[in-house]
């Protein structure tokens, strides 16, 4: 089965939801895998939603400005931590196959 694995790579500030290494796993590119997903914050979905179908369907992240390397896309949540006291989370998104 093909899936998207979204991993927390970096946190700037303090995020009350995520920790480095946490994952969101989307089976078939859109179904939350609740057994393998650590946490989901509604704010982070705003950054992921515009890209998840394109990445699942094989669009190169470099072609849509989400990376400088093939196969890995990067987005960040919308919390401007310096102004809110929260945390801006950087996510890495990869398409994988579970054979």
PDB file of N, CA and C in Angstrom:
ATOM      1  N   UNK A   1       0.835  -1.174   0.000  1.00  0.00           N
ATOM      2  CA  UNK A   1       0.000   0.000   0.000  1.00  0.00           C
ATOM      3  C   UNK A   1       0.886   1.246   0.000  1.00  0.00           C
ATOM      4  N   UNK A   2       0.513   2.207  -0.804  1.00  0.00           N
ATOM      5  CA  UNK A   2       1.240   3.467  -0.823  1.00  0.00           C
ATOM      6  C   UNK A   2       0.618   4.420   0.178  1.00  0.00           C
ATOM      7  N   UNK A   3       1.473   5.278   0.732  1.00  0.00           N
ATOM      8  CA  UNK A   3       1.012   6.188   1.785  1.00  0.00           C
ATOM      9  C   UNK A   3       1.888   7.420   1.816  1.00  0.00           C
ATOM     10  N   UNK A   4       1.411   8.424   2.520  1.00  0.00           N
ATOM     11  CA  UNK A   4       2.229   9.594   2.830  1.00  0.00           C
ATOM     12  C   UNK A   4       2.587   9.532   4.302  1.00  0.00           C
ATOM     13  N   UNK A   5       3.856   9.745   4.588  1.00  0.00           N
ATOM     14  CA  UNK A   5       4.317   9.806   5.964  1.00  0.00           C
ATOM     15  C   UNK A   5       4.791  11.239   6.202  1.00  0.00           C
ATOM     16  N   UNK A   6       4.152  11.894   7.136  1.00  0.00           N
ATOM     17  CA  UNK A   6       4.432  13.287   7.464  1.00  0.00           C
ATOM     18  C   UNK A   6       5.112  13.281   8.826  1.00  0.00           C
ATOM     19  N   UNK A   7       6.358  13.721   8.870  1.00  0.00           N
ATOM     20  CA  UNK A   7       7.169  13.629  10.076  1.00  0.00           C
ATOM     21  C   UNK A   7       7.532  15.021  10.578  1.00  0.00           C
ATOM     22  N   UNK A   8       7.438  15.209  11.893  1.00  0.00           N
ATOM     23  CA  UNK A   8       7.866  16.473  12.500  1.00  0.00           C
ATOM     24  C   UNK A   8       9.392  16.496  12.504  1.00  0.00           C
ATOM     25  N   UNK A   9       9.973  17.438  11.744  1.00  0.00           N
ATOM     26  CA  UNK A   9      11.427  17.548  11.628  1.00  0.00           C
ATOM     27  C   UNK A   9      12.012  18.595  12.566  1.00  0.00           C
ATOM     28  N   UNK A  10      11.265  19.659  12.812  1.00  0.00           N
ATOM     29  CA  UNK A  10      11.798  20.765  13.612  1.00  0.00           C
ATOM     30  C   UNK A  10      10.640  21.510  14.253  1.00  0.00           C
ATOM     31  N   UNK A  11      10.885  22.040  15.436  1.00  0.00           N
ATOM     32  CA  UNK A  11       9.901  22.880  16.119  1.00  0.00           C
ATOM     33  C   UNK A  11      10.611  24.152  16.548  1.00  0.00           C
ATOM     34  N   UNK A  12      10.074  25.278  16.101  1.00  0.00           N
ATOM     35  CA  UNK A  12      10.591  26.587  16.517  1.00  0.00           C
ATOM     36  C   UNK A  12       9.619  27.147  17.539  1.00  0.00           C
ATOM     37  N   UNK A  13      10.106  27.407  18.725  1.00  0.00           N
ATOM     38  CA  UNK A  13       9.216  27.821  19.803  1.00  0.00           C
ATOM     39  C   UNK A  13       8.744  26.601  20.571  1.00  0.00           C
ATOM     40  N   UNK A  14       7.536  26.679  21.100  1.00  0.00           N
ATOM     41  CA  UNK A  14       6.977  25.593  21.902  1.00  0.00           C
ATOM     42  C   UNK A  14       5.636  25.164  21.326  1.00  0.00           C
ATOM     43  N   UNK A  15       5.557  23.936  20.849  1.00  0.00           N
ATOM     44  CA  UNK A  15       4.306  23.392  20.318  1.00  0.00           C
ATOM     45  C   UNK A  15       3.657  22.521  21.378  1.00  0.00           C
ATOM     46  N   UNK A  16       2.390  22.768  21.707  1.00  0.00           N
ATOM     47  CA  UNK A  16       1.721  21.958  22.713  1.00  0.00           C
ATOM     48  C   UNK A  16       1.244  20.599  22.200  1.00  0.00           C
ATOM     49  N   UNK A  17       1.380  20.347  20.894  1.00  0.00           N
ATOM     50  CA  UNK A  17       0.844  19.125  20.300  1.00  0.00           C
ATOM     51  C   UNK A  17       1.940  18.161  19.864  1.00  0.00           C
ATOM     52  N   UNK A  18       2.900  18.646  19.094  1.00  0.00           N
ATOM     53  CA  UNK A  18       3.887  17.777  18.459  1.00  0.00           C
ATOM     54  C   UNK A  18       5.226  17.749  19.185  1.00  0.00           C
ATOM     55  N   UNK A  19       5.943  16.641  18.977  1.00  0.00           N
ATOM     56  CA  UNK A  19       7.329  16.466  19.401  1.00  0.00           C
ATOM     57  C   UNK A  19       8.127  16.058  18.168  1.00  0.00           C
ATOM     58  N   UNK A  20       9.416  16.342  18.146  1.00  0.00           N
ATOM     59  CA  UNK A  20      10.281  15.927  17.031  1.00  0.00           C
ATOM     60  C   UNK A  20      10.122  14.418  16.821  1.00  0.00           C
ATOM     61  N   UNK A  21       9.942  14.016  15.567  1.00  0.00           N
ATOM     62  CA  UNK A  21       9.794  12.599  15.238  1.00  0.00           C
ATOM     63  C   UNK A  21       8.357  12.109  15.178  1.00  0.00           C
ATOM     64  N   UNK A  22       7.405  12.890  15.703  1.00  0.00           N
ATOM     65  CA  UNK A  22       5.993  12.493  15.590  1.00  0.00           C
ATOM     66  C   UNK A  22       5.629  12.332  14.121  1.00  0.00           C
ATOM     67  N   UNK A  23       4.673  11.442  13.860  1.00  0.00           N
ATOM     68  CA  UNK A  23       4.260  11.174  12.486  1.00  0.00           C
ATOM     69  C   UNK A  23       2.748  11.265  12.333  1.00  0.00           C
ATOM     70  N   UNK A  24       2.361  11.695  11.144  1.00  0.00           N
ATOM     71  CA  UNK A  24       0.988  11.570  10.657  1.00  0.00           C
ATOM     72  C   UNK A  24       1.096  10.661   9.451  1.00  0.00           C
ATOM     73  N   UNK A  25       0.352   9.574   9.426  1.00  0.00           N
ATOM     74  CA  UNK A  25       0.411   8.626   8.319  1.00  0.00           C
ATOM     75  C   UNK A  25      -0.928   8.643   7.595  1.00  0.00           C
ATOM     76  N   UNK A  26      -0.863   8.887   6.278  1.00  0.00           N
ATOM     77  CA  UNK A  26      -2.062   8.911   5.446  1.00  0.00           C
ATOM     78  C   UNK A  26      -2.006   7.741   4.474  1.00  0.00           C
ATOM     79  N   UNK A  27      -2.812   6.719   4.724  1.00  0.00           N
ATOM     80  CA  UNK A  27      -2.899   5.588   3.803  1.00  0.00           C
ATOM     81  C   UNK A  27      -3.626   6.049   2.546  1.00  0.00           C
ATOM     82  N   UNK A  28      -3.133   5.594   1.410  1.00  0.00           N
ATOM     83  CA  UNK A  28      -3.677   5.960   0.101  1.00  0.00           C
ATOM     84  C   UNK A  28      -3.705   7.469  -0.109  1.00  0.00           C
ATOM     85  N   UNK A  29      -2.897   8.185   0.635  1.00  0.00           N
ATOM     86  CA  UNK A  29      -2.747   9.613   0.441  1.00  0.00           C
ATOM     87  C   UNK A  29      -3.768  10.494   1.117  1.00  0.00           C
ATOM     88  N   UNK A  30      -4.812   9.886   1.746  1.00  0.00           N
ATOM     89  CA  UNK A  30      -5.840  10.724   2.357  1.00  0.00           C
ATOM     90  C   UNK A  30      -6.523  10.130   3.587  1.00  0.00           C
ATOM     91  N   UNK A  31      -6.329   8.859   3.870  1.00  0.00           N
ATOM     92  CA  UNK A  31      -6.979   8.218   5.021  1.00  0.00           C
ATOM     93  C   UNK A  31      -6.031   8.225   6.216  1.00  0.00           C
ATOM     94  N   UNK A  32      -6.443   8.843   7.325  1.00  0.00           N
ATOM     95  CA  UNK A  32      -5.604   8.829   8.520  1.00  0.00           C
ATOM     96  C   UNK A  32      -5.428   7.400   9.009  1.00  0.00           C
ATOM     97  N   UNK A  33      -4.183   6.992   9.185  1.00  0.00           N
ATOM     98  CA  UNK A  33      -3.883   5.708   9.792  1.00  0.00           C
ATOM     99  C   UNK A  33      -3.755   5.984  11.292  1.00  0.00           C
ATOM    100  N   UNK A  34      -4.805   5.704  12.029  1.00  0.00           N
ATOM    101  CA  UNK A  34      -4.858   6.066  13.449  1.00  0.00           C
ATOM    102  C   UNK A  34      -3.937   5.225  14.312  1.00  0.00           C
ATOM    103  N   UNK A  35      -3.529   4.058  13.833  1.00  0.00           N
ATOM    104  CA  UNK A  35      -2.617   3.220  14.607  1.00  0.00           C
ATOM    105  C   UNK A  35      -1.179   3.737  14.542  1.00  0.00           C
ATOM    106  N   UNK A  36      -0.815   4.397  13.443  1.00  0.00           N
ATOM    107  CA  UNK A  36       0.563   4.856  13.266  1.00  0.00           C
ATOM    108  C   UNK A  36       0.728   6.365  13.415  1.00  0.00           C
ATOM    109  N   UNK A  37      -0.365   7.088  13.515  1.00  0.00           N
ATOM    110  CA  UNK A  37      -0.319   8.540  13.680  1.00  0.00           C
ATOM    111  C   UNK A  37      -0.197   8.874  15.159  1.00  0.00           C
ATOM    112  N   UNK A  38       0.755   9.736  15.492  1.00  0.00           N
ATOM    113  CA  UNK A  38       0.983  10.097  16.891  1.00  0.00           C
ATOM    114  C   UNK A  38       0.014  11.165  17.375  1.00  0.00           C
ATOM    115  N   UNK A  39      -0.185  12.193  16.575  1.00  0.00           N
ATOM    116  CA  UNK A  39      -1.023  13.324  16.949  1.00  0.00           C
ATOM    117  C   UNK A  39      -1.386  14.094  15.699  1.00  0.00           C
ATOM    118  N   UNK A  40      -2.489  14.835  15.759  1.00  0.00           N
ATOM    119  CA  UNK A  40      -2.874  15.711  14.654  1.00  0.00           C
ATOM    120  C   UNK A  40      -3.389  17.013  15.242  1.00  0.00           C
ATOM    121  N   UNK A  41      -2.829  18.101  14.778  1.00  0.00           N
ATOM    122  CA  UNK A  41      -3.289  19.432  15.170  1.00  0.00           C
ATOM    123  C   UNK A  41      -4.033  20.031  13.983  1.00  0.00           C
ATOM    124  N   UNK A  42      -5.200  20.571  14.209  1.00  0.00           N
ATOM    125  CA  UNK A  42      -6.003  21.159  13.137  1.00  0.00           C
ATOM    126  C   UNK A  42      -5.252  22.270  12.409  1.00  0.00           C
ATOM    127  N   UNK A  43      -4.447  23.038  13.119  1.00  0.00           N
ATOM    128  CA  UNK A  43      -3.702  24.127  12.491  1.00  0.00           C
ATOM    129  C   UNK A  43      -2.710  23.594  11.456  1.00  0.00           C
ATOM    130  N   UNK A  44      -2.083  22.464  11.734  1.00  0.00           N
ATOM    131  CA  UNK A  44      -1.095  21.921  10.802  1.00  0.00           C
ATOM    132  C   UNK A  44      -1.747  21.408   9.520  1.00  0.00           C
ATOM    133  N   UNK A  45      -2.989  20.983   9.604  1.00  0.00           N
ATOM    134  CA  UNK A  45      -3.655  20.472   8.409  1.00  0.00           C
ATOM    135  C   UNK A  45      -3.790  21.546   7.330  1.00  0.00           C
ATOM    136  N   UNK A  46      -3.896  22.810   7.743  1.00  0.00           N
ATOM    137  CA  UNK A  46      -3.998  23.900   6.767  1.00  0.00           C
ATOM    138  C   UNK A  46      -2.766  23.964   5.872  1.00  0.00           C
ATOM    139  N   UNK A  47      -1.622  23.555   6.383  1.00  0.00           N
ATOM    140  CA  UNK A  47      -0.386  23.570   5.602  1.00  0.00           C
ATOM    141  C   UNK A  47      -0.225  22.313   4.756  1.00  0.00           C
ATOM    142  N   UNK A  48      -0.803  21.216   5.175  1.00  0.00           N
ATOM    143  CA  UNK A  48      -0.656  19.933   4.491  1.00  0.00           C
ATOM    144  C   UNK A  48      -1.698  19.745   3.390  1.00  0.00           C
ATOM    145  N   UNK A  49      -2.913  20.182   3.642  1.00  0.00           N
ATOM    146  CA  UNK A  49      -4.023  19.927   2.719  1.00  0.00           C
ATOM    147  C   UNK A  49      -3.797  20.384   1.278  1.00  0.00           C
ATOM    148  N   UNK A  50      -3.179  21.527   1.024  1.00  0.00           N
ATOM    149  CA  UNK A  50      -3.021  21.934  -0.380  1.00  0.00           C
ATOM    150  C   UNK A  50      -2.115  21.010  -1.205  1.00  0.00           C
ATOM    151  N   UNK A  51      -1.331  20.171  -0.562  1.00  0.00           N
ATOM    152  CA  UNK A  51      -0.295  19.410  -1.269  1.00  0.00           C
ATOM    153  C   UNK A  51      -0.434  17.892  -1.193  1.00  0.00           C
ATOM    154  N   UNK A  52      -1.231  17.363  -0.288  1.00  0.00           N
ATOM    155  CA  UNK A  52      -1.184  15.922  -0.053  1.00  0.00           C
ATOM    156  C   UNK A  52      -1.575  15.086  -1.271  1.00  0.00           C
ATOM    157  N   UNK A  53      -2.544  15.490  -2.043  1.00  0.00           N
ATOM    158  CA  UNK A  53      -2.947  14.702  -3.212  1.00  0.00           C
ATOM    159  C   UNK A  53      -1.869  14.766  -4.297  1.00  0.00           C
ATOM    160  N   UNK A  54      -1.336  15.942  -4.562  1.00  0.00           N
ATOM    161  CA  UNK A  54      -0.282  16.071  -5.583  1.00  0.00           C
ATOM    162  C   UNK A  54       0.929  15.220  -5.224  1.00  0.00           C
ATOM    163  N   UNK A  55       1.346  15.270  -3.963  1.00  0.00           N
ATOM    164  CA  UNK A  55       2.511  14.480  -3.543  1.00  0.00           C
ATOM    165  C   UNK A  55       2.213  12.996  -3.610  1.00  0.00           C
ATOM    166  N   UNK A  56       1.027  12.594  -3.224  1.00  0.00           N
ATOM    167  CA  UNK A  56       0.652  11.187  -3.298  1.00  0.00           C
ATOM    168  C   UNK A  56       0.648  10.698  -4.757  1.00  0.00           C
ATOM    169  N   UNK A  57       0.220  11.557  -5.650  1.00  0.00           N
ATOM    170  CA  UNK A  57       0.141  11.174  -7.062  1.00  0.00           C
ATOM    171  C   UNK A  57       1.476  11.279  -7.785  1.00  0.00           C
ATOM    172  N   UNK A  58       2.528  11.638  -7.072  1.00  0.00           N
ATOM    173  CA  UNK A  58       3.868  11.565  -7.634  1.00  0.00           C
ATOM    174  C   UNK A  58       4.445  12.857  -8.178  1.00  0.00           C
ATOM    175  N   UNK A  59       3.813  13.986  -7.919  1.00  0.00           N
ATOM    176  CA  UNK A  59       4.391  15.257  -8.342  1.00  0.00           C
ATOM    177  C   UNK A  59       5.692  15.468  -7.567  1.00  0.00           C
ATOM    178  N   UNK A  60       6.742  15.820  -8.268  1.00  0.00           N
ATOM    179  CA  UNK A  60       8.042  16.056  -7.637  1.00  0.00           C
ATOM    180  C   UNK A  60       7.944  17.314  -6.766  1.00  0.00           C
ATOM    181  N   UNK A  61       8.284  17.220  -5.482  1.00  0.00           N
ATOM    182  CA  UNK A  61       8.201  18.387  -4.591  1.00  0.00           C
ATOM    183  C   UNK A  61       8.989  19.594  -5.095  1.00  0.00           C
ATOM    184  N   UNK A  62      10.049  19.358  -5.846  1.00  0.00           N
ATOM    185  CA  UNK A  62      10.838  20.470  -6.400  1.00  0.00           C
ATOM    186  C   UNK A  62      10.026  21.268  -7.412  1.00  0.00           C
ATOM    187  N   UNK A  63       9.135  20.581  -8.124  1.00  0.00           N
ATOM    188  CA  UNK A  63       8.339  21.248  -9.157  1.00  0.00           C
ATOM    189  C   UNK A  63       7.277  22.181  -8.574  1.00  0.00           C
ATOM    190  N   UNK A  64       6.943  21.997  -7.311  1.00  0.00           N
ATOM    191  CA  UNK A  64       5.934  22.861  -6.688  1.00  0.00           C
ATOM    192  C   UNK A  64       6.515  23.685  -5.541  1.00  0.00           C
ATOM    193  N   UNK A  65       7.845  23.796  -5.530  1.00  0.00           N
ATOM    194  CA  UNK A  65       8.523  24.683  -4.585  1.00  0.00           C
ATOM    195  C   UNK A  65       8.554  24.213  -3.148  1.00  0.00           C
ATOM    196  N   UNK A  66       8.472  22.890  -2.922  1.00  0.00           N
ATOM    197  CA  UNK A  66       8.438  22.371  -1.555  1.00  0.00           C
ATOM    198  C   UNK A  66       9.730  21.674  -1.137  1.00  0.00           C
ATOM    199  N   UNK A  67      10.749  21.717  -2.001  1.00  0.00           N
ATOM    200  CA  UNK A  67      11.999  21.051  -1.650  1.00  0.00           C
ATOM    201  C   UNK A  67      13.081  21.386  -2.659  1.00  0.00           C
ATOM    202  N   UNK A  68      14.298  21.060  -2.265  1.00  0.00           N
ATOM    203  CA  UNK A  68      15.427  21.131  -3.188  1.00  0.00           C
ATOM    204  C   UNK A  68      15.919  19.732  -3.528  1.00  0.00           C
ATOM    205  N   UNK A  69      15.207  18.712  -3.032  1.00  0.00           N
ATOM    206  CA  UNK A  69      15.580  17.327  -3.293  1.00  0.00           C
ATOM    207  C   UNK A  69      14.345  16.531  -3.694  1.00  0.00           C
ATOM    208  N   UNK A  70      14.540  15.527  -4.524  1.00  0.00           N
ATOM    209  CA  UNK A  70      13.429  14.690  -4.971  1.00  0.00           C
ATOM    210  C   UNK A  70      12.893  13.844  -3.821  1.00  0.00           C
ATOM    211  N   UNK A  71      11.596  13.651  -3.814  1.00  0.00           N
ATOM    212  CA  UNK A  71      10.989  12.695  -2.899  1.00  0.00           C
ATOM    213  C   UNK A  71      10.641  13.181  -1.507  1.00  0.00           C
ATOM    214  N   UNK A  72      11.113  14.360  -1.120  1.00  0.00           N
ATOM    215  CA  UNK A  72      10.805  14.879   0.209  1.00  0.00           C
ATOM    216  C   UNK A  72      10.296  16.310   0.077  1.00  0.00           C
ATOM    217  N   UNK A  73       9.122  16.546   0.622  1.00  0.00           N
ATOM    218  CA  UNK A  73       8.538  17.888   0.621  1.00  0.00           C
ATOM    219  C   UNK A  73       8.581  18.432   2.043  1.00  0.00           C
ATOM    220  N   UNK A  74       8.609  19.753   2.153  1.00  0.00           N
ATOM    221  CA  UNK A  74       8.643  20.403   3.459  1.00  0.00           C
ATOM    222  C   UNK A  74       7.604  21.515   3.513  1.00  0.00           C
ATOM    223  N   UNK A  75       6.814  21.513   4.585  1.00  0.00           N
ATOM    224  CA  UNK A  75       5.849  22.583   4.855  1.00  0.00           C
ATOM    225  C   UNK A  75       5.940  22.910   6.340  1.00  0.00           C
ATOM    226  N   UNK A  76       5.380  24.047   6.727  1.00  0.00           N
ATOM    227  CA  UNK A  76       5.366  24.386   8.148  1.00  0.00           C
ATOM    228  C   UNK A  76       3.984  24.837   8.543  1.00  0.00           C
ATOM    229  N   UNK A  77       3.666  24.667   9.823  1.00  0.00           N
ATOM    230  CA  UNK A  77       2.369  25.106  10.305  1.00  0.00           C
ATOM    231  C   UNK A  77       2.311  26.630  10.293  1.00  0.00           C
ATOM    232  N   UNK A  78       1.136  27.143  10.455  1.00  0.00           N
ATOM    233  CA  UNK A  78       0.910  28.573  10.274  1.00  0.00           C
ATOM    234  C   UNK A  78       1.118  29.403  11.526  1.00  0.00           C
ATOM    235  N   UNK A  79       1.450  28.792  12.648  1.00  0.00           N
ATOM    236  CA  UNK A  79       1.612  29.541  13.896  1.00  0.00           C
ATOM    237  C   UNK A  79       2.874  30.397  13.846  1.00  0.00           C
ATOM    238  N   UNK A  80       2.745  31.720  13.867  1.00  0.00           N
ATOM    239  CA  UNK A  80       3.916  32.595  13.895  1.00  0.00           C
ATOM    240  C   UNK A  80       4.432  32.705  15.332  1.00  0.00           C
ATOM    241  N   UNK A  81       5.190  31.717  15.761  1.00  0.00           N
ATOM    242  CA  UNK A  81       5.527  31.508  17.172  1.00  0.00           C
ATOM    243  C   UNK A  81       6.108  32.731  17.869  1.00  0.00           C
ATOM    244  N   UNK A  82       6.866  33.545  17.175  1.00  0.00           N
ATOM    245  CA  UNK A  82       7.465  34.717  17.816  1.00  0.00           C
ATOM    246  C   UNK A  82       6.409  35.701  18.310  1.00  0.00           C
ATOM    247  N   UNK A  83       5.225  35.668  17.711  1.00  0.00           N
ATOM    248  CA  UNK A  83       4.166  36.607  18.066  1.00  0.00           C
ATOM    249  C   UNK A  83       3.073  36.000  18.930  1.00  0.00           C
ATOM    250  N   UNK A  84       2.986  34.651  18.929  1.00  0.00           N
ATOM    251  CA  UNK A  84       1.903  33.998  19.672  1.00  0.00           C
ATOM    252  C   UNK A  84       2.376  33.276  20.920  1.00  0.00           C
ATOM    253  N   UNK A  85       3.684  33.053  21.025  1.00  0.00           N
ATOM    254  CA  UNK A  85       4.195  32.259  22.138  1.00  0.00           C
ATOM    255  C   UNK A  85       4.033  30.768  21.898  1.00  0.00           C
ATOM    256  N   UNK A  86       3.575  30.399  20.711  1.00  0.00           N
ATOM    257  CA  UNK A  86       3.380  28.987  20.366  1.00  0.00           C
ATOM    258  C   UNK A  86       4.599  28.409  19.702  1.00  0.00           C
ATOM    259  N   UNK A  87       4.357  27.537  18.727  1.00  0.00           N
ATOM    260  CA  UNK A  87       5.459  26.882  18.050  1.00  0.00           C
ATOM    261  C   UNK A  87       5.174  26.652  16.589  1.00  0.00           C
ATOM    262  N   UNK A  88       6.125  26.968  15.739  1.00  0.00           N
ATOM    263  CA  UNK A  88       6.028  26.685  14.314  1.00  0.00           C
ATOM    264  C   UNK A  88       6.695  25.336  14.064  1.00  0.00           C
ATOM    265  N   UNK A  89       5.947  24.428  13.460  1.00  0.00           N
ATOM    266  CA  UNK A  89       6.427  23.071  13.238  1.00  0.00           C
ATOM    267  C   UNK A  89       6.768  22.892  11.760  1.00  0.00           C
ATOM    268  N   UNK A  90       7.952  22.327  11.494  1.00  0.00           N
ATOM    269  CA  UNK A  90       8.375  22.001  10.128  1.00  0.00           C
ATOM    270  C   UNK A  90       8.102  20.512   9.917  1.00  0.00           C
ATOM    271  N   UNK A  91       7.367  20.206   8.838  1.00  0.00           N
ATOM    272  CA  UNK A  91       7.017  18.832   8.506  1.00  0.00           C
ATOM    273  C   UNK A  91       7.743  18.380   7.249  1.00  0.00           C
ATOM    274  N   UNK A  92       8.178  17.135   7.235  1.00  0.00           N
ATOM    275  CA  UNK A  92       8.704  16.496   6.035  1.00  0.00           C
ATOM    276  C   UNK A  92       7.626  15.522   5.540  1.00  0.00           C
ATOM    277  N   UNK A  93       7.318  15.561   4.269  1.00  0.00           N
ATOM    278  CA  UNK A  93       6.302  14.678   3.697  1.00  0.00           C
ATOM    279  C   UNK A  93       6.971  13.787   2.670  1.00  0.00           C
ATOM    280  N   UNK A  94       6.796  12.466   2.842  1.00  0.00           N
ATOM    281  CA  UNK A  94       7.367  11.481   1.902  1.00  0.00           C
ATOM    282  C   UNK A  94       6.301  10.475   1.512  1.00  0.00           C
ATOM    283  N   UNK A  95       6.330  10.094   0.250  1.00  0.00           N
ATOM    284  CA  UNK A  95       5.480   8.993  -0.219  1.00  0.00           C
ATOM    285  C   UNK A  95       6.264   7.711  -0.019  1.00  0.00           C
ATOM    286  N   UNK A  96       5.633   6.718   0.572  1.00  0.00           N
ATOM    287  CA  UNK A  96       6.292   5.435   0.801  1.00  0.00           C
ATOM    288  C   UNK A  96       5.399   4.296   0.353  1.00  0.00           C
ATOM    289  N   UNK A  97       5.987   3.136   0.220  1.00  0.00           N
ATOM    290  CA  UNK A  97       5.237   1.915  -0.081  1.00  0.00           C
ATOM    291  C   UNK A  97       5.419   0.948   1.057  1.00  0.00           C
ATOM    292  N   UNK A  98       4.330   0.361   1.477  1.00  0.00           N
ATOM    293  CA  UNK A  98       4.347  -0.656   2.535  1.00  0.00           C
ATOM    294  C   UNK A  98       4.054  -1.988   1.862  1.00  0.00           C
ATOM    295  N   UNK A  99       5.103  -2.778   1.605  1.00  0.00           N
ATOM    296  CA  UNK A  99       4.905  -4.033   0.868  1.00  0.00           C
ATOM    297  C   UNK A  99       4.582  -5.163   1.770  1.00  0.00           C
TER     298      UNK A  99
END
